[in-house]
Structure formats: structure tokens, C-alpha cells
Amino acid sequence: YHQAPGKQRELVASINSGGLAYDTDSVKGRFTIA
């Protein structure tokens, strides 16, 4: 998750126990969770 100054904490990316990853639109193609 990330939290910018003055803003709420927001999900960036997640990965489950099976390795399935999810990225939010704002970071898709730029960030990778592993």
C-alpha cells in the first residue's frame, strides 16, 4: 500500500498464496509484486 501526505492509504499491488498478482491501474505496467 502507499500513503501520500494528506491522503488515505491505498492499495498498490497484492499477491495471494498461489502467486496470483493484482496491480492497481495507476501502477500497471510500471510496478511488479513478487
ModelCIF file with pLDDT and N, C-alpha, C, O atoms, coordinates in Angstrom:
data_MODEL
#
_entry.id   MODEL 
#
_entity.id                         1 
_entity.type                       polymer 
_entity.pdbx_number_of_molecules   1 
#
_entity_poly.entity_id                      1 
_entity_poly.type                           'polypeptide(L)' 
_entity_poly.nstd_linkage                   no 
_entity_poly.nstd_monomer                   no 
_entity_poly.pdbx_seq_one_letter_code       YHQAPGKQRELVASINSGGLAYDTDSVKGRFTIA 
_entity_poly.pdbx_seq_one_letter_code_can   YHQAPGKQRELVASINSGGLAYDTDSVKGRFTIA 
_entity_poly.pdbx_strand_id                 A 
#
loop_
_entity_poly_seq.entity_id 
_entity_poly_seq.num 
_entity_poly_seq.mon_id 
_entity_poly_seq.hetero 
1 1  TYR n 
1 2  HIS n 
1 3  GLN n 
1 4  ALA n 
1 5  PRO n 
1 6  GLY n 
1 7  LYS n 
1 8  GLN n 
1 9  ARG n 
1 10 GLU n 
1 11 LEU n 
1 12 VAL n 
1 13 ALA n 
1 14 SER n 
1 15 ILE n 
1 16 ASN n 
1 17 SER n 
1 18 GLY n 
1 19 GLY n 
1 20 LEU n 
1 21 ALA n 
1 22 TYR n 
1 23 ASP n 
1 24 THR n 
1 25 ASP n 
1 26 SER n 
1 27 VAL n 
1 28 LYS n 
1 29 GLY n 
1 30 ARG n 
1 31 PHE n 
1 32 THR n 
1 33 ILE n 
1 34 ALA n 
#
_struct_asym.id          A 
_struct_asym.entity_id   1 
#
loop_
_ma_qa_metric.id 
_ma_qa_metric.mode 
_ma_qa_metric.name 
_ma_qa_metric.software_group_id 
_ma_qa_metric.type 
1 global pLDDT . pLDDT 
2 local  pLDDT . pLDDT 
#
_ma_qa_metric_global.metric_id      1 
_ma_qa_metric_global.metric_value   92.97 
_ma_qa_metric_global.model_id       1 
_ma_qa_metric_global.ordinal_id     1 
#
loop_
_ma_qa_metric_local.label_asym_id 
_ma_qa_metric_local.label_comp_id 
_ma_qa_metric_local.label_seq_id 
_ma_qa_metric_local.metric_id 
_ma_qa_metric_local.metric_value 
_ma_qa_metric_local.model_id 
_ma_qa_metric_local.ordinal_id 
A TYR 1  2 97.00 1 1  
A HIS 2  2 97.00 1 2  
A GLN 3  2 97.00 1 3  
A ALA 4  2 95.00 1 4  
A PRO 5  2 91.00 1 5  
A GLY 6  2 94.00 1 6  
A LYS 7  2 96.00 1 7  
A GLN 8  2 97.00 1 8  
A ARG 9  2 96.00 1 9  
A GLU 10 2 96.00 1 10 
A LEU 11 2 96.00 1 11 
A VAL 12 2 97.00 1 12 
A ALA 13 2 97.00 1 13 
A SER 14 2 96.00 1 14 
A ILE 15 2 95.00 1 15 
A ASN 16 2 90.00 1 16 
A SER 17 2 83.00 1 17 
A GLY 18 2 83.00 1 18 
A GLY 19 2 83.00 1 19 
A LEU 20 2 86.00 1 20 
A ALA 21 2 89.00 1 21 
A TYR 22 2 90.00 1 22 
A ASP 23 2 90.00 1 23 
A THR 24 2 91.00 1 24 
A ASP 25 2 90.00 1 25 
A SER 26 2 90.00 1 26 
A VAL 27 2 92.00 1 27 
A LYS 28 2 92.00 1 28 
A GLY 29 2 94.00 1 29 
A ARG 30 2 97.00 1 30 
A PHE 31 2 97.00 1 31 
A THR 32 2 96.00 1 32 
A ILE 33 2 96.00 1 33 
A ALA 34 2 95.00 1 34 
#
loop_
_atom_site.group_PDB 
_atom_site.id 
_atom_site.type_symbol 
_atom_site.label_atom_id 
_atom_site.label_alt_id 
_atom_site.label_comp_id 
_atom_site.label_asym_id 
_atom_site.label_entity_id 
_atom_site.label_seq_id 
_atom_site.pdbx_PDB_ins_code 
_atom_site.Cartn_x 
_atom_site.Cartn_y 
_atom_site.Cartn_z 
_atom_site.occupancy 
_atom_site.B_iso_or_equiv 
_atom_site.pdbx_formal_charge 
_atom_site.auth_seq_id 
_atom_site.auth_comp_id 
_atom_site.auth_asym_id 
_atom_site.auth_atom_id 
_atom_site.pdbx_PDB_model_num 
ATOM 1   N N  . TYR A 1 1  ? 0.859  -1.174  0.000   1.00 97.00 ? 1  TYR A N  1 
ATOM 2   C CA . TYR A 1 1  ? 0.000  0.000   0.000   1.00 97.00 ? 1  TYR A CA 1 
ATOM 3   C C  . TYR A 1 1  ? 0.900  1.230   0.000   1.00 97.00 ? 1  TYR A C  1 
ATOM 4   O O  . TYR A 1 1  ? 2.074  1.145   0.361   1.00 97.00 ? 1  TYR A O  1 
ATOM 5   N N  . HIS A 1 2  ? 0.357  2.356   -0.399  1.00 97.00 ? 2  HIS A N  1 
ATOM 6   C CA . HIS A 1 2  ? 1.089  3.594   -0.210  1.00 97.00 ? 2  HIS A CA 1 
ATOM 7   C C  . HIS A 1 2  ? 0.166  4.663   0.364   1.00 97.00 ? 2  HIS A C  1 
ATOM 8   O O  . HIS A 1 2  ? -1.052 4.636   0.190   1.00 97.00 ? 2  HIS A O  1 
ATOM 9   N N  . GLN A 1 3  ? 0.800  5.600   1.052   1.00 97.00 ? 3  GLN A N  1 
ATOM 10  C CA . GLN A 1 3  ? 0.066  6.708   1.659   1.00 97.00 ? 3  GLN A CA 1 
ATOM 11  C C  . GLN A 1 3  ? 0.847  7.986   1.418   1.00 97.00 ? 3  GLN A C  1 
ATOM 12  O O  . GLN A 1 3  ? 1.924  8.197   1.976   1.00 97.00 ? 3  GLN A O  1 
ATOM 13  N N  . ALA A 1 4  ? 0.279  8.835   0.572   1.00 95.00 ? 4  ALA A N  1 
ATOM 14  C CA . ALA A 1 4  ? 0.888  10.129  0.282   1.00 95.00 ? 4  ALA A CA 1 
ATOM 15  C C  . ALA A 1 4  ? 0.489  11.120  1.370   1.00 95.00 ? 4  ALA A C  1 
ATOM 16  O O  . ALA A 1 4  ? -0.517 10.920  2.051   1.00 95.00 ? 4  ALA A O  1 
ATOM 17  N N  . PRO A 1 5  ? 1.264  12.180  1.537   1.00 91.00 ? 5  PRO A N  1 
ATOM 18  C CA . PRO A 1 5  ? 0.938  13.179  2.563   1.00 91.00 ? 5  PRO A CA 1 
ATOM 19  C C  . PRO A 1 5  ? -0.475 13.715  2.414   1.00 91.00 ? 5  PRO A C  1 
ATOM 20  O O  . PRO A 1 5  ? -0.863 14.172  1.339   1.00 91.00 ? 5  PRO A O  1 
ATOM 21  N N  . GLY A 1 6  ? -1.241 13.659  3.493   1.00 94.00 ? 6  GLY A N  1 
ATOM 22  C CA . GLY A 1 6  ? -2.594 14.190  3.482   1.00 94.00 ? 6  GLY A CA 1 
ATOM 23  C C  . GLY A 1 6  ? -3.628 13.310  2.811   1.00 94.00 ? 6  GLY A C  1 
ATOM 24  O O  . GLY A 1 6  ? -4.780 13.715  2.651   1.00 94.00 ? 6  GLY A O  1 
ATOM 25  N N  . LYS A 1 7  ? -3.229 12.104  2.416   1.00 96.00 ? 7  LYS A N  1 
ATOM 26  C CA . LYS A 1 7  ? -4.157 11.211  1.732   1.00 96.00 ? 7  LYS A CA 1 
ATOM 27  C C  . LYS A 1 7  ? -4.296 9.896   2.494   1.00 96.00 ? 7  LYS A C  1 
ATOM 28  O O  . LYS A 1 7  ? -3.506 9.578   3.382   1.00 96.00 ? 7  LYS A O  1 
ATOM 29  N N  . GLN A 1 8  ? -5.317 9.153   2.120   1.00 97.00 ? 8  GLN A N  1 
ATOM 30  C CA . GLN A 1 8  ? -5.544 7.861   2.749   1.00 97.00 ? 8  GLN A CA 1 
ATOM 31  C C  . GLN A 1 8  ? -4.610 6.799   2.178   1.00 97.00 ? 8  GLN A C  1 
ATOM 32  O O  . GLN A 1 8  ? -4.087 6.931   1.071   1.00 97.00 ? 8  GLN A O  1 
ATOM 33  N N  . ARG A 1 9  ? -4.420 5.753   2.960   1.00 96.00 ? 9  ARG A N  1 
ATOM 34  C CA . ARG A 1 9  ? -3.619 4.634   2.488   1.00 96.00 ? 9  ARG A CA 1 
ATOM 35  C C  . ARG A 1 9  ? -4.373 3.907   1.374   1.00 96.00 ? 9  ARG A C  1 
ATOM 36  O O  . ARG A 1 9  ? -5.571 3.648   1.490   1.00 96.00 ? 9  ARG A O  1 
ATOM 37  N N  . GLU A 1 10 ? -3.667 3.584   0.307   1.00 96.00 ? 10 GLU A N  1 
ATOM 38  C CA . GLU A 1 10 ? -4.296 2.953   -0.854  1.00 96.00 ? 10 GLU A CA 1 
ATOM 39  C C  . GLU A 1 10 ? -3.521 1.705   -1.263  1.00 96.00 ? 10 GLU A C  1 
ATOM 40  O O  . GLU A 1 10 ? -2.301 1.629   -1.117  1.00 96.00 ? 10 GLU A O  1 
ATOM 41  N N  . LEU A 1 11 ? -4.255 0.744   -1.771  1.00 96.00 ? 11 LEU A N  1 
ATOM 42  C CA . LEU A 1 11 ? -3.640 -0.476  -2.267  1.00 96.00 ? 11 LEU A CA 1 
ATOM 43  C C  . LEU A 1 11 ? -2.852 -0.181  -3.546  1.00 96.00 ? 11 LEU A C  1 
ATOM 44  O O  . LEU A 1 11 ? -3.314 0.545   -4.426  1.00 96.00 ? 11 LEU A O  1 
ATOM 45  N N  . VAL A 1 12 ? -1.662 -0.758  -3.624  1.00 97.00 ? 12 VAL A N  1 
ATOM 46  C CA . VAL A 1 12 ? -0.836 -0.645  -4.824  1.00 97.00 ? 12 VAL A CA 1 
ATOM 47  C C  . VAL A 1 12 ? -0.857 -1.970  -5.591  1.00 97.00 ? 12 VAL A C  1 
ATOM 48  O O  . VAL A 1 12 ? -1.151 -2.002  -6.786  1.00 97.00 ? 12 VAL A O  1 
ATOM 49  N N  . ALA A 1 13 ? -0.548 -3.045  -4.897  1.00 97.00 ? 13 ALA A N  1 
ATOM 50  C CA . ALA A 1 13 ? -0.495 -4.365  -5.527  1.00 97.00 ? 13 ALA A CA 1 
ATOM 51  C C  . ALA A 1 13 ? -0.619 -5.429  -4.453  1.00 97.00 ? 13 ALA A C  1 
ATOM 52  O O  . ALA A 1 13 ? -0.268 -5.207  -3.295  1.00 97.00 ? 13 ALA A O  1 
ATOM 53  N N  . SER A 1 14 ? -1.120 -6.576  -4.850  1.00 96.00 ? 14 SER A N  1 
ATOM 54  C CA . SER A 1 14 ? -1.243 -7.691  -3.902  1.00 96.00 ? 14 SER A CA 1 
ATOM 55  C C  . SER A 1 14 ? -0.900 -8.992  -4.602  1.00 96.00 ? 14 SER A C  1 
ATOM 56  O O  . SER A 1 14 ? -0.910 -9.083  -5.830  1.00 96.00 ? 14 SER A O  1 
ATOM 57  N N  . ILE A 1 15 ? -0.593 -10.003 -3.786  1.00 95.00 ? 15 ILE A N  1 
ATOM 58  C CA . ILE A 1 15 ? -0.279 -11.317 -4.323  1.00 95.00 ? 15 ILE A CA 1 
ATOM 59  C C  . ILE A 1 15 ? -0.792 -12.360 -3.329  1.00 95.00 ? 15 ILE A C  1 
ATOM 60  O O  . ILE A 1 15 ? -0.561 -12.248 -2.126  1.00 95.00 ? 15 ILE A O  1 
ATOM 61  N N  . ASN A 1 16 ? -1.486 -13.368 -3.840  1.00 90.00 ? 16 ASN A N  1 
ATOM 62  C CA . ASN A 1 16 ? -2.053 -14.346 -2.912  1.00 90.00 ? 16 ASN A CA 1 
ATOM 63  C C  . ASN A 1 16 ? -1.130 -15.548 -2.729  1.00 90.00 ? 16 ASN A C  1 
ATOM 64  O O  . ASN A 1 16 ? -0.042 -15.604 -3.301  1.00 90.00 ? 16 ASN A O  1 
ATOM 65  N N  . SER A 1 17 ? -1.572 -16.485 -1.943  1.00 83.00 ? 17 SER A N  1 
ATOM 66  C CA . SER A 1 17 ? -0.724 -17.628 -1.602  1.00 83.00 ? 17 SER A CA 1 
ATOM 67  C C  . SER A 1 17 ? -0.400 -18.483 -2.816  1.00 83.00 ? 17 SER A C  1 
ATOM 68  O O  . SER A 1 17 ? 0.589  -19.216 -2.824  1.00 83.00 ? 17 SER A O  1 
ATOM 69  N N  . GLY A 1 18 ? -1.241 -18.387 -3.846  1.00 83.00 ? 18 GLY A N  1 
ATOM 70  C CA . GLY A 1 18 ? -0.987 -19.150 -5.059  1.00 83.00 ? 18 GLY A CA 1 
ATOM 71  C C  . GLY A 1 18 ? -0.124 -18.408 -6.058  1.00 83.00 ? 18 GLY A C  1 
ATOM 72  O O  . GLY A 1 18 ? 0.187  -18.925 -7.131  1.00 83.00 ? 18 GLY A O  1 
ATOM 73  N N  . GLY A 1 19 ? 0.262  -17.188 -5.696  1.00 83.00 ? 19 GLY A N  1 
ATOM 74  C CA . GLY A 1 19 ? 1.124  -16.408 -6.589  1.00 83.00 ? 19 GLY A CA 1 
ATOM 75  C C  . GLY A 1 19 ? 0.372  -15.522 -7.561  1.00 83.00 ? 19 GLY A C  1 
ATOM 76  O O  . GLY A 1 19 ? 0.982  -14.893 -8.426  1.00 83.00 ? 19 GLY A O  1 
ATOM 77  N N  . LEU A 1 20 ? -0.954 -15.465 -7.431  1.00 86.00 ? 20 LEU A N  1 
ATOM 78  C CA . LEU A 1 20 ? -1.736 -14.620 -8.330  1.00 86.00 ? 20 LEU A CA 1 
ATOM 79  C C  . LEU A 1 20 ? -1.587 -13.167 -7.905  1.00 86.00 ? 20 LEU A C  1 
ATOM 80  O O  . LEU A 1 20 ? -1.857 -12.819 -6.755  1.00 86.00 ? 20 LEU A O  1 
ATOM 81  N N  . ALA A 1 21 ? -1.164 -12.334 -8.822  1.00 89.00 ? 21 ALA A N  1 
ATOM 82  C CA . ALA A 1 21 ? -0.876 -10.939 -8.509  1.00 89.00 ? 21 ALA A CA 1 
ATOM 83  C C  . ALA A 1 21 ? -1.945 -10.009 -9.059  1.00 89.00 ? 21 ALA A C  1 
ATOM 84  O O  . ALA A 1 21 ? -2.577 -10.289 -10.078 1.00 89.00 ? 21 ALA A O  1 
ATOM 85  N N  . TYR A 1 22 ? -2.131 -8.902  -8.364  1.00 90.00 ? 22 TYR A N  1 
ATOM 86  C CA . TYR A 1 22 ? -3.070 -7.861  -8.784  1.00 90.00 ? 22 TYR A CA 1 
ATOM 87  C C  . TYR A 1 22 ? -2.362 -6.517  -8.673  1.00 90.00 ? 22 TYR A C  1 
ATOM 88  O O  . TYR A 1 22 ? -1.713 -6.232  -7.667  1.00 90.00 ? 22 TYR A O  1 
ATOM 89  N N  . ASP A 1 23 ? -2.490 -5.691  -9.711  1.00 90.00 ? 23 ASP A N  1 
ATOM 90  C CA . ASP A 1 23 ? -1.929 -4.346  -9.691  1.00 90.00 ? 23 ASP A CA 1 
ATOM 91  C C  . ASP A 1 23 ? -3.042 -3.333  -9.914  1.00 90.00 ? 23 ASP A C  1 
ATOM 92  O O  . ASP A 1 23 ? -3.962 -3.577  -10.696 1.00 90.00 ? 23 ASP A O  1 
ATOM 93  N N  . THR A 1 24 ? -2.961 -2.209  -9.235  1.00 91.00 ? 24 THR A N  1 
ATOM 94  C CA . THR A 1 24 ? -3.938 -1.160  -9.495  1.00 91.00 ? 24 THR A CA 1 
ATOM 95  C C  . THR A 1 24 ? -3.609 -0.459  -10.816 1.00 91.00 ? 24 THR A C  1 
ATOM 96  O O  . THR A 1 24 ? -2.477 -0.521  -11.296 1.00 91.00 ? 24 THR A O  1 
ATOM 97  N N  . ASP A 1 25 ? -4.588 0.191   -11.383 1.00 90.00 ? 25 ASP A N  1 
ATOM 98  C CA . ASP A 1 25 ? -4.411 0.821   -12.696 1.00 90.00 ? 25 ASP A CA 1 
ATOM 99  C C  . ASP A 1 25 ? -3.296 1.856   -12.690 1.00 90.00 ? 25 ASP A C  1 
ATOM 100 O O  . ASP A 1 25 ? -2.598 2.025   -13.690 1.00 90.00 ? 25 ASP A O  1 
ATOM 101 N N  . SER A 1 26 ? -3.127 2.549   -11.570 1.00 90.00 ? 26 SER A N  1 
ATOM 102 C CA . SER A 1 26 ? -2.146 3.638   -11.526 1.00 90.00 ? 26 SER A CA 1 
ATOM 103 C C  . SER A 1 26 ? -0.708 3.144   -11.645 1.00 90.00 ? 26 SER A C  1 
ATOM 104 O O  . SER A 1 26 ? 0.181  3.919   -11.998 1.00 90.00 ? 26 SER A O  1 
ATOM 105 N N  . VAL A 1 27 ? -0.468 1.869   -11.355 1.00 92.00 ? 27 VAL A N  1 
ATOM 106 C CA . VAL A 1 27 ? 0.902  1.353   -11.404 1.00 92.00 ? 27 VAL A CA 1 
ATOM 107 C C  . VAL A 1 27 ? 1.074  0.240   -12.424 1.00 92.00 ? 27 VAL A C  1 
ATOM 108 O O  . VAL A 1 27 ? 2.174  -0.281  -12.609 1.00 92.00 ? 27 VAL A O  1 
ATOM 109 N N  . LYS A 1 28 ? -0.016 -0.119  -13.082 1.00 92.00 ? 28 LYS A N  1 
ATOM 110 C CA . LYS A 1 28 ? 0.043  -1.244  -14.029 1.00 92.00 ? 28 LYS A CA 1 
ATOM 111 C C  . LYS A 1 28 ? 1.082  -0.973  -15.105 1.00 92.00 ? 28 LYS A C  1 
ATOM 112 O O  . LYS A 1 28 ? 1.106  0.102   -15.704 1.00 92.00 ? 28 LYS A O  1 
ATOM 113 N N  . GLY A 1 29 ? 1.928  -1.946  -15.340 1.00 94.00 ? 29 GLY A N  1 
ATOM 114 C CA . GLY A 1 29 ? 2.978  -1.790  -16.343 1.00 94.00 ? 29 GLY A CA 1 
ATOM 115 C C  . GLY A 1 29 ? 4.236  -1.137  -15.809 1.00 94.00 ? 29 GLY A C  1 
ATOM 116 O O  . GLY A 1 29 ? 5.263  -1.122  -16.489 1.00 94.00 ? 29 GLY A O  1 
ATOM 117 N N  . ARG A 1 30 ? 4.173  -0.591  -14.590 1.00 97.00 ? 30 ARG A N  1 
ATOM 118 C CA . ARG A 1 30 ? 5.352  0.066   -14.007 1.00 97.00 ? 30 ARG A CA 1 
ATOM 119 C C  . ARG A 1 30 ? 5.849  -0.667  -12.754 1.00 97.00 ? 30 ARG A C  1 
ATOM 120 O O  . ARG A 1 30 ? 7.055  -0.776  -12.535 1.00 97.00 ? 30 ARG A O  1 
ATOM 121 N N  . PHE A 1 31 ? 4.929  -1.162  -11.947 1.00 97.00 ? 31 PHE A N  1 
ATOM 122 C CA . PHE A 1 31 ? 5.288  -1.840  -10.697 1.00 97.00 ? 31 PHE A CA 1 
ATOM 123 C C  . PHE A 1 31 ? 4.979  -3.327  -10.833 1.00 97.00 ? 31 PHE A C  1 
ATOM 124 O O  . PHE A 1 31 ? 4.032  -3.719  -11.516 1.00 97.00 ? 31 PHE A O  1 
ATOM 125 N N  . THR A 1 32 ? 5.796  -4.149  -10.169 1.00 96.00 ? 32 THR A N  1 
ATOM 126 C CA . THR A 1 32 ? 5.590  -5.594  -10.172 1.00 96.00 ? 32 THR A CA 1 
ATOM 127 C C  . THR A 1 32 ? 5.766  -6.138  -8.765  1.00 96.00 ? 32 THR A C  1 
ATOM 128 O O  . THR A 1 32 ? 6.777  -5.877  -8.113  1.00 96.00 ? 32 THR A O  1 
ATOM 129 N N  . ILE A 1 33 ? 4.791  -6.887  -8.304  1.00 96.00 ? 33 ILE A N  1 
ATOM 130 C CA . ILE A 1 33 ? 4.893  -7.534  -6.994  1.00 96.00 ? 33 ILE A CA 1 
ATOM 131 C C  . ILE A 1 33 ? 5.330  -8.975  -7.204  1.00 96.00 ? 33 ILE A C  1 
ATOM 132 O O  . ILE A 1 33 ? 4.899  -9.637  -8.148  1.00 96.00 ? 33 ILE A O  1 
ATOM 133 N N  . ALA A 1 34 ? 6.184  -9.449  -6.318  1.00 95.00 ? 34 ALA A N  1 
ATOM 134 C CA . ALA A 1 34 ? 6.674  -10.827 -6.411  1.00 95.00 ? 34 ALA A CA 1 
ATOM 135 C C  . ALA A 1 34 ? 6.972  -11.332 -5.007  1.00 95.00 ? 34 ALA A C  1 
ATOM 136 O O  . ALA A 1 34 ? 7.398  -12.475 -4.840  1.00 95.00 ? 34 ALA A O  1 
#
